[in-house]
C-alpha cells in the first residue's frame, strides 16, 4: 500500500471515529441545552378524541389525568383577540363557512357537538363545551402547565400578540412555539428568542441530511423541541388494501429513515426534547 493510500485510509478512519464519538457524546463540542421542563406525554389539541379539541374542557381533562404538556393552535380574530382553534376556516369545526380573521371574538360560532378526529380512522370526539377559548384563558387556568403553541398562520400581529401574552403571564420558561413553516418559526424566534422554538419541517429534513452525512455533531442547533410524525400513523387513516405497493414502500422507507434511535439519542444528549406523533388522542409521546 502506498503512503498516499495509507494516508487517505487513516484519515477516513480517523474522521469516522471522531464523528462517531461526537455523535454519542455531543457535549464534547456543544454545551447541553438547559431543559426548563421535561414532557414525556403531550396532549394534542388537548387530547382530541377524548373531548372536543382545543376546548377548556379538553385541556382540563388532560391536566387532570396527568399530561405533561398541552398542545394547542392559535389564530387571531378581527378585533385582535388570540383564540385557540386548529382551523382558520370554521366550516369543519362549526359548520359555518367563515374565517376566524373575518369575525370579532364575540361573533365566533360554537363548535359542533361532534368532530372527526385527525390521524384516527372512523373516530369522533364530542363534548358539551363547544366554545372557542381565548389563549389568555388557557394561560390563566393552567399557570404551571407547559404549553406547546402552534402558530397556524403567517401573521405578524398574531406572533406579536402571542409573545405579549406569554410575557404577560411570565410563561417563557414553560412555553414552546413554532410551526411546520420555516418562515413562521424564524419570525417567532426574532419576536421573542426567550421562548423555546420547534423544528420546522425544513429544519427536520436538514437535521436528517446532516445525520446521514455525519455532519450533525459539528452543527450548532438553536431549536429545543424536535417533533416528528411516525410514518406508520398513515396506516391508521387508510385501509391497507386500498394502498398501492409503492405507497406502502414509501411508508416503510420513511419509517426506516426517520425513526433513528441514534439520532434521537444525539439530540437528547444535546438537551433537545424529542417527541413523535403516535396517537390521535394524546398524539405526542417521548421518543427516547
Protein backbone atom coordinates (compact mmCIF):
# COMPACT_ATOMS: atom_id res chain seq x y z
CA UNK A 1 0.00 0.00 0.00
CA UNK A 2 1.38 3.40 -0.99
CA UNK A 3 1.85 6.14 1.56
CA UNK A 4 -0.88 8.21 -0.13
CA UNK A 5 -3.40 5.39 0.11
CA UNK A 6 -2.45 4.78 3.72
CA UNK A 7 -2.92 8.48 4.47
CA UNK A 8 -6.41 8.53 2.97
CA UNK A 9 -7.34 5.33 4.78
CA UNK A 10 -6.16 6.64 8.14
CA UNK A 11 -7.84 9.99 7.52
CA UNK A 12 -11.13 8.29 6.69
CA UNK A 13 -10.90 6.03 9.71
CA UNK A 14 -9.98 8.93 11.96
CA UNK A 15 -12.85 11.02 10.67
CA UNK A 16 -15.27 8.16 11.23
CA UNK A 17 -14.07 7.67 14.80
CA UNK A 18 -14.30 11.37 15.61
CA UNK A 19 -17.79 11.63 14.11
CA UNK A 20 -18.95 8.53 15.98
CA UNK A 21 -17.53 9.86 19.24
CA UNK A 22 -19.20 13.27 18.86
CA UNK A 23 -22.47 11.69 17.75
CA UNK A 24 -22.58 9.75 21.01
CA UNK A 25 -21.03 12.43 23.22
CA UNK A 26 -22.03 15.79 21.63
CA UNK A 27 -21.29 17.74 24.80
CA UNK A 28 -17.60 17.36 23.97
CA UNK A 29 -18.27 20.02 21.32
CA UNK A 30 -21.58 21.65 22.31
CA UNK A 31 -22.94 22.91 25.59
CA UNK A 32 -26.02 20.93 26.60
CA UNK A 33 -29.20 22.99 26.45
CA UNK A 34 -30.85 23.64 29.78
CA UNK A 35 -34.19 21.85 29.90
CA UNK A 36 -36.67 24.02 31.73
CA UNK A 37 -39.20 21.20 31.83
CA UNK A 38 -39.50 17.63 30.57
CA UNK A 39 -42.57 16.41 28.70
CA UNK A 40 -42.99 12.70 28.05
CA UNK A 41 -46.68 12.99 27.32
CA UNK A 42 -48.19 15.83 25.28
CA UNK A 43 -51.94 16.17 24.73
CA UNK A 44 -52.52 17.13 21.10
CA UNK A 45 -55.29 19.74 20.87
CA UNK A 46 -55.95 18.93 24.50
CA UNK A 47 -56.40 15.25 23.72
CA UNK A 48 -58.60 15.16 20.63
CA UNK A 49 -60.70 12.01 20.80
CA UNK A 50 -61.46 12.30 24.50
CA UNK A 51 -63.15 15.71 24.29
CA UNK A 52 -63.90 18.35 21.68
CA UNK A 53 -60.50 19.51 20.51
CA UNK A 54 -58.94 22.74 21.75
CA UNK A 55 -61.61 23.44 24.38
CA UNK A 56 -61.20 24.30 28.03
CA UNK A 57 -62.88 21.01 28.94
CA UNK A 58 -60.33 19.10 26.87
CA UNK A 59 -57.40 20.92 28.47
CA UNK A 60 -58.81 20.41 31.97
CA UNK A 61 -59.33 16.70 31.36
CA UNK A 62 -55.80 16.29 30.01
CA UNK A 63 -54.27 18.03 33.01
CA UNK A 64 -56.45 16.05 35.41
CA UNK A 65 -55.31 12.69 34.02
CA UNK A 66 -51.68 13.78 34.24
CA UNK A 67 -50.45 15.06 30.88
CA UNK A 68 -47.05 16.79 30.93
CA UNK A 69 -47.88 19.37 28.27
CA UNK A 70 -50.84 20.80 26.38
CA UNK A 71 -50.57 21.31 22.63
CA UNK A 72 -52.87 23.86 21.01
CA UNK A 73 -53.29 26.01 17.90
CA UNK A 74 -53.73 29.76 17.65
CA UNK A 75 -55.39 32.24 15.30
CA UNK A 76 -56.31 35.91 15.61
CA UNK A 77 -59.74 37.48 15.25
CA UNK A 78 -60.79 40.66 13.52
CA UNK A 79 -60.69 42.50 16.85
CA UNK A 80 -57.17 41.17 17.52
CA UNK A 81 -58.01 38.52 20.11
CA UNK A 82 -55.80 35.41 20.13
CA UNK A 83 -58.05 32.36 20.07
CA UNK A 84 -57.40 28.63 20.34
CA UNK A 85 -58.53 26.82 17.19
CA UNK A 86 -56.88 24.46 14.75
CA UNK A 87 -58.60 25.76 11.61
CA UNK A 88 -58.65 29.29 10.24
CA UNK A 89 -61.82 28.44 8.34
CA UNK A 90 -64.53 27.19 10.70
CA UNK A 91 -66.52 25.04 8.26
CA UNK A 92 -65.15 21.72 9.58
CA UNK A 93 -65.42 22.55 13.27
CA UNK A 94 -68.57 24.68 13.43
CA UNK A 95 -70.42 24.07 10.19
CA UNK A 96 -70.15 27.76 9.31
CA UNK A 97 -68.04 28.63 6.28
CA UNK A 98 -66.25 31.66 7.67
CA UNK A 99 -62.68 32.61 8.60
CA UNK A 100 -61.71 33.48 12.16
CA UNK A 101 -59.85 36.56 10.96
CA UNK A 102 -63.08 37.94 9.45
CA UNK A 103 -65.03 37.85 12.73
CA UNK A 104 -64.83 39.56 16.10
CA UNK A 105 -64.36 37.18 19.02
CA UNK A 106 -67.95 37.64 20.17
CA UNK A 107 -69.15 36.62 16.70
CA UNK A 108 -67.39 33.24 16.57
CA UNK A 109 -69.84 30.34 16.20
CA UNK A 110 -69.73 27.40 18.64
CA UNK A 111 -68.15 24.05 17.80
CA UNK A 112 -70.33 21.25 16.51
CA UNK A 113 -71.28 18.64 19.09
CA UNK A 114 -69.15 16.01 17.33
CA UNK A 115 -65.95 16.40 15.31
CA UNK A 116 -63.93 13.94 13.27
CA UNK A 117 -60.55 13.19 14.85
CA UNK A 118 -57.48 13.76 12.70
CA UNK A 119 -54.98 10.90 12.42
CA UNK A 120 -57.57 8.36 13.52
CA UNK A 121 -59.82 6.46 11.13
CA UNK A 122 -63.56 6.50 11.81
CA UNK A 123 -63.20 8.31 15.13
CA UNK A 124 -65.05 11.30 16.51
CA UNK A 125 -64.66 13.49 19.56
CA UNK A 126 -67.61 15.01 21.34
CA UNK A 127 -68.39 17.15 24.33
CA UNK A 128 -70.66 19.80 25.83
CA UNK A 129 -68.04 22.54 25.98
CA UNK A 130 -68.28 23.93 22.45
CA UNK A 131 -66.86 27.43 22.97
CA UNK A 132 -63.68 28.58 21.22
CA UNK A 133 -61.46 29.82 24.07
CA UNK A 134 -59.03 32.69 24.25
CA UNK A 135 -55.36 31.85 24.69
CA UNK A 136 -55.22 34.00 27.81
CA UNK A 137 -57.97 31.85 29.37
CA UNK A 138 -55.77 28.79 28.95
CA UNK A 139 -52.81 30.61 30.50
CA UNK A 140 -54.93 31.73 33.44
CA UNK A 141 -56.45 28.28 34.03
CA UNK A 142 -53.15 26.37 33.80
CA UNK A 143 -50.39 28.71 35.01
CA UNK A 144 -47.93 25.91 35.77
CA UNK A 145 -48.62 23.60 32.84
CA UNK A 146 -46.18 23.65 29.88
CA UNK A 147 -47.93 24.59 26.64
CA UNK A 148 -46.90 23.91 23.05
CA UNK A 149 -48.30 26.63 20.75
CA UNK A 150 -48.70 26.03 17.03
CA UNK A 151 -48.86 29.40 15.25
CA UNK A 152 -51.21 28.33 12.47
CA UNK A 153 -50.91 31.30 10.10
CA UNK A 154 -48.06 33.51 8.98
CA UNK A 155 -49.38 36.64 10.64
CA UNK A 156 -47.01 39.14 12.26
CA UNK A 157 -49.69 40.52 14.57
CA UNK A 158 -50.61 37.03 15.80
CA UNK A 159 -46.98 36.25 16.60
CA UNK A 160 -46.59 39.59 18.40
CA UNK A 161 -49.80 39.10 20.42
CA UNK A 162 -48.86 35.56 21.46
CA UNK A 163 -45.43 36.76 22.56
CA UNK A 164 -47.01 39.57 24.59
CA UNK A 165 -49.35 37.11 26.32
CA UNK A 166 -46.50 34.74 27.13
CA UNK A 167 -44.56 37.62 28.67
CA UNK A 168 -47.63 39.00 30.48
CA UNK A 169 -48.23 35.65 32.18
CA UNK A 170 -44.50 35.06 32.68
CA UNK A 171 -44.51 31.76 30.81
CA UNK A 172 -41.32 31.92 28.74
CA UNK A 173 -39.87 29.05 30.79
CA UNK A 174 -42.84 26.70 30.22
CA UNK A 175 -43.90 27.57 26.67
CA UNK A 176 -42.69 26.40 23.28
CA UNK A 177 -43.93 27.71 19.95
CA UNK A 178 -43.49 27.34 16.21
CA UNK A 179 -44.96 25.74 13.12
CA UNK A 180 -44.01 23.43 10.27
CA UNK A 181 -43.26 26.59 8.29
CA UNK A 182 -39.63 27.74 8.47
CA UNK A 183 -40.68 31.35 7.92
CA UNK A 184 -43.10 31.32 10.86
CA UNK A 185 -40.54 29.77 13.20
CA UNK A 186 -37.97 32.38 12.18
CA UNK A 187 -40.45 35.15 12.93
CA UNK A 188 -41.24 33.61 16.31
CA UNK A 189 -37.56 33.47 17.22
CA UNK A 190 -36.97 37.06 16.14
CA UNK A 191 -40.02 38.26 18.07
CA UNK A 192 -39.04 36.57 21.32
CA UNK A 193 -35.91 34.43 21.49
CA UNK A 194 -36.62 33.63 25.17
CA UNK A 195 -39.43 31.26 24.17
CA UNK A 196 -38.07 27.86 23.00
CA UNK A 197 -38.88 27.01 19.39
CA UNK A 198 -39.87 23.89 17.49
CA UNK A 199 -38.09 22.49 14.44
CA UNK A 200 -39.82 23.47 11.21
CA UNK A 201 -40.26 20.83 8.51
CA UNK A 202 -37.37 22.32 6.56
CA UNK A 203 -35.11 22.08 9.59
CA UNK A 204 -36.20 18.49 10.33
CA UNK A 205 -35.17 17.50 6.80
CA UNK A 206 -31.88 19.36 7.23
CA UNK A 207 -31.19 17.55 10.51
CA UNK A 208 -31.83 14.20 8.82
CA UNK A 209 -29.47 15.12 5.99
CA UNK A 210 -26.76 16.17 8.43
CA UNK A 211 -27.26 12.97 10.43
CA UNK A 212 -26.85 10.65 7.46
CA UNK A 213 -23.84 12.55 6.11
CA UNK A 214 -22.12 12.51 9.52
CA UNK A 215 -22.08 16.30 9.83
CA UNK A 216 -24.72 16.69 12.55
CA UNK A 217 -22.28 16.59 15.51
CA UNK A 218 -20.46 19.65 14.11
CA UNK A 219 -23.53 21.87 13.56
CA UNK A 220 -24.98 24.16 16.27
CA UNK A 221 -28.73 23.88 16.89
CA UNK A 222 -30.91 26.58 18.43
CA UNK A 223 -34.23 24.71 18.47
CA UNK A 224 -35.17 22.85 21.65
CA UNK A 225 -38.06 20.62 20.55
CA UNK A 226 -37.87 18.02 17.78
CA UNK A 227 -41.35 16.74 16.89
CA UNK A 228 -41.90 14.28 14.07
CA UNK A 229 -44.76 12.05 12.89
CA UNK A 230 -44.44 8.29 12.91
CA UNK A 231 -44.89 7.41 9.20
CA UNK A 232 -46.83 4.30 10.18
CA UNK A 233 -49.60 6.55 11.52
CA UNK A 234 -50.74 6.88 7.90
CA UNK A 235 -51.87 3.28 8.10
CA UNK A 236 -54.42 4.36 10.69
CA UNK A 237 -56.04 6.66 8.16
CA UNK A 238 -56.41 4.24 5.26
CA UNK A 239 -57.47 0.69 4.70
CA UNK A 240 -54.30 -1.31 3.87
CA UNK A 241 -55.96 -3.00 0.88
CA UNK A 242 -56.63 0.41 -0.72
CA UNK A 243 -52.93 1.33 -0.72
CA UNK A 244 -50.60 0.52 -3.59
CA UNK A 245 -47.30 -1.30 -3.13
CA UNK A 246 -45.41 1.90 -3.87
CA UNK A 247 -47.33 3.76 -1.14
CA UNK A 248 -46.63 1.02 1.39
CA UNK A 249 -42.96 1.03 0.35
CA UNK A 250 -42.69 4.79 0.83
CA UNK A 251 -44.19 4.49 4.31
CA UNK A 252 -41.76 1.71 5.16
CA UNK A 253 -38.80 3.67 3.79
CA UNK A 254 -39.84 6.84 5.62
CA UNK A 255 -40.10 4.86 8.83
CA UNK A 256 -36.60 3.43 8.33
CA UNK A 257 -35.08 6.85 7.61
CA UNK A 258 -36.95 8.87 10.21
CA UNK A 259 -37.15 6.64 13.25
CA UNK A 260 -33.44 6.51 14.11
CA UNK A 261 -32.56 5.87 17.74
CA UNK A 262 -29.00 7.15 17.24
CA UNK A 263 -30.42 10.46 16.02
CA UNK A 264 -32.84 10.72 18.93
CA UNK A 265 -30.09 9.87 21.43
CA UNK A 266 -27.80 12.52 19.95
CA UNK A 267 -30.44 15.25 20.11
CA UNK A 268 -31.44 14.24 23.63
CA UNK A 269 -27.81 14.36 24.75
CA UNK A 270 -27.71 17.94 23.47
CA UNK A 271 -30.71 18.84 25.66
CA UNK A 272 -33.26 18.76 22.83
CA UNK A 273 -36.57 17.10 23.67
CA UNK A 274 -37.65 14.54 21.08
CA UNK A 275 -41.30 13.63 20.55
CA UNK A 276 -43.22 11.76 17.90
CA UNK A 277 -46.86 11.66 16.93
CA UNK A 278 -48.22 8.22 17.58
CA UNK A 279 -51.86 8.60 18.53
CA UNK A 280 -54.76 10.86 17.80
CA UNK A 281 -55.92 11.13 21.39
CA UNK A 282 -52.69 12.16 23.05
CA UNK A 283 -50.67 12.39 19.96
CA UNK A 284 -47.18 13.23 21.13
CA UNK A 285 -45.07 10.90 23.20
CA UNK A 286 -41.44 10.97 24.26
CA UNK A 287 -39.36 9.14 21.70
CA UNK A 288 -36.44 8.33 23.94
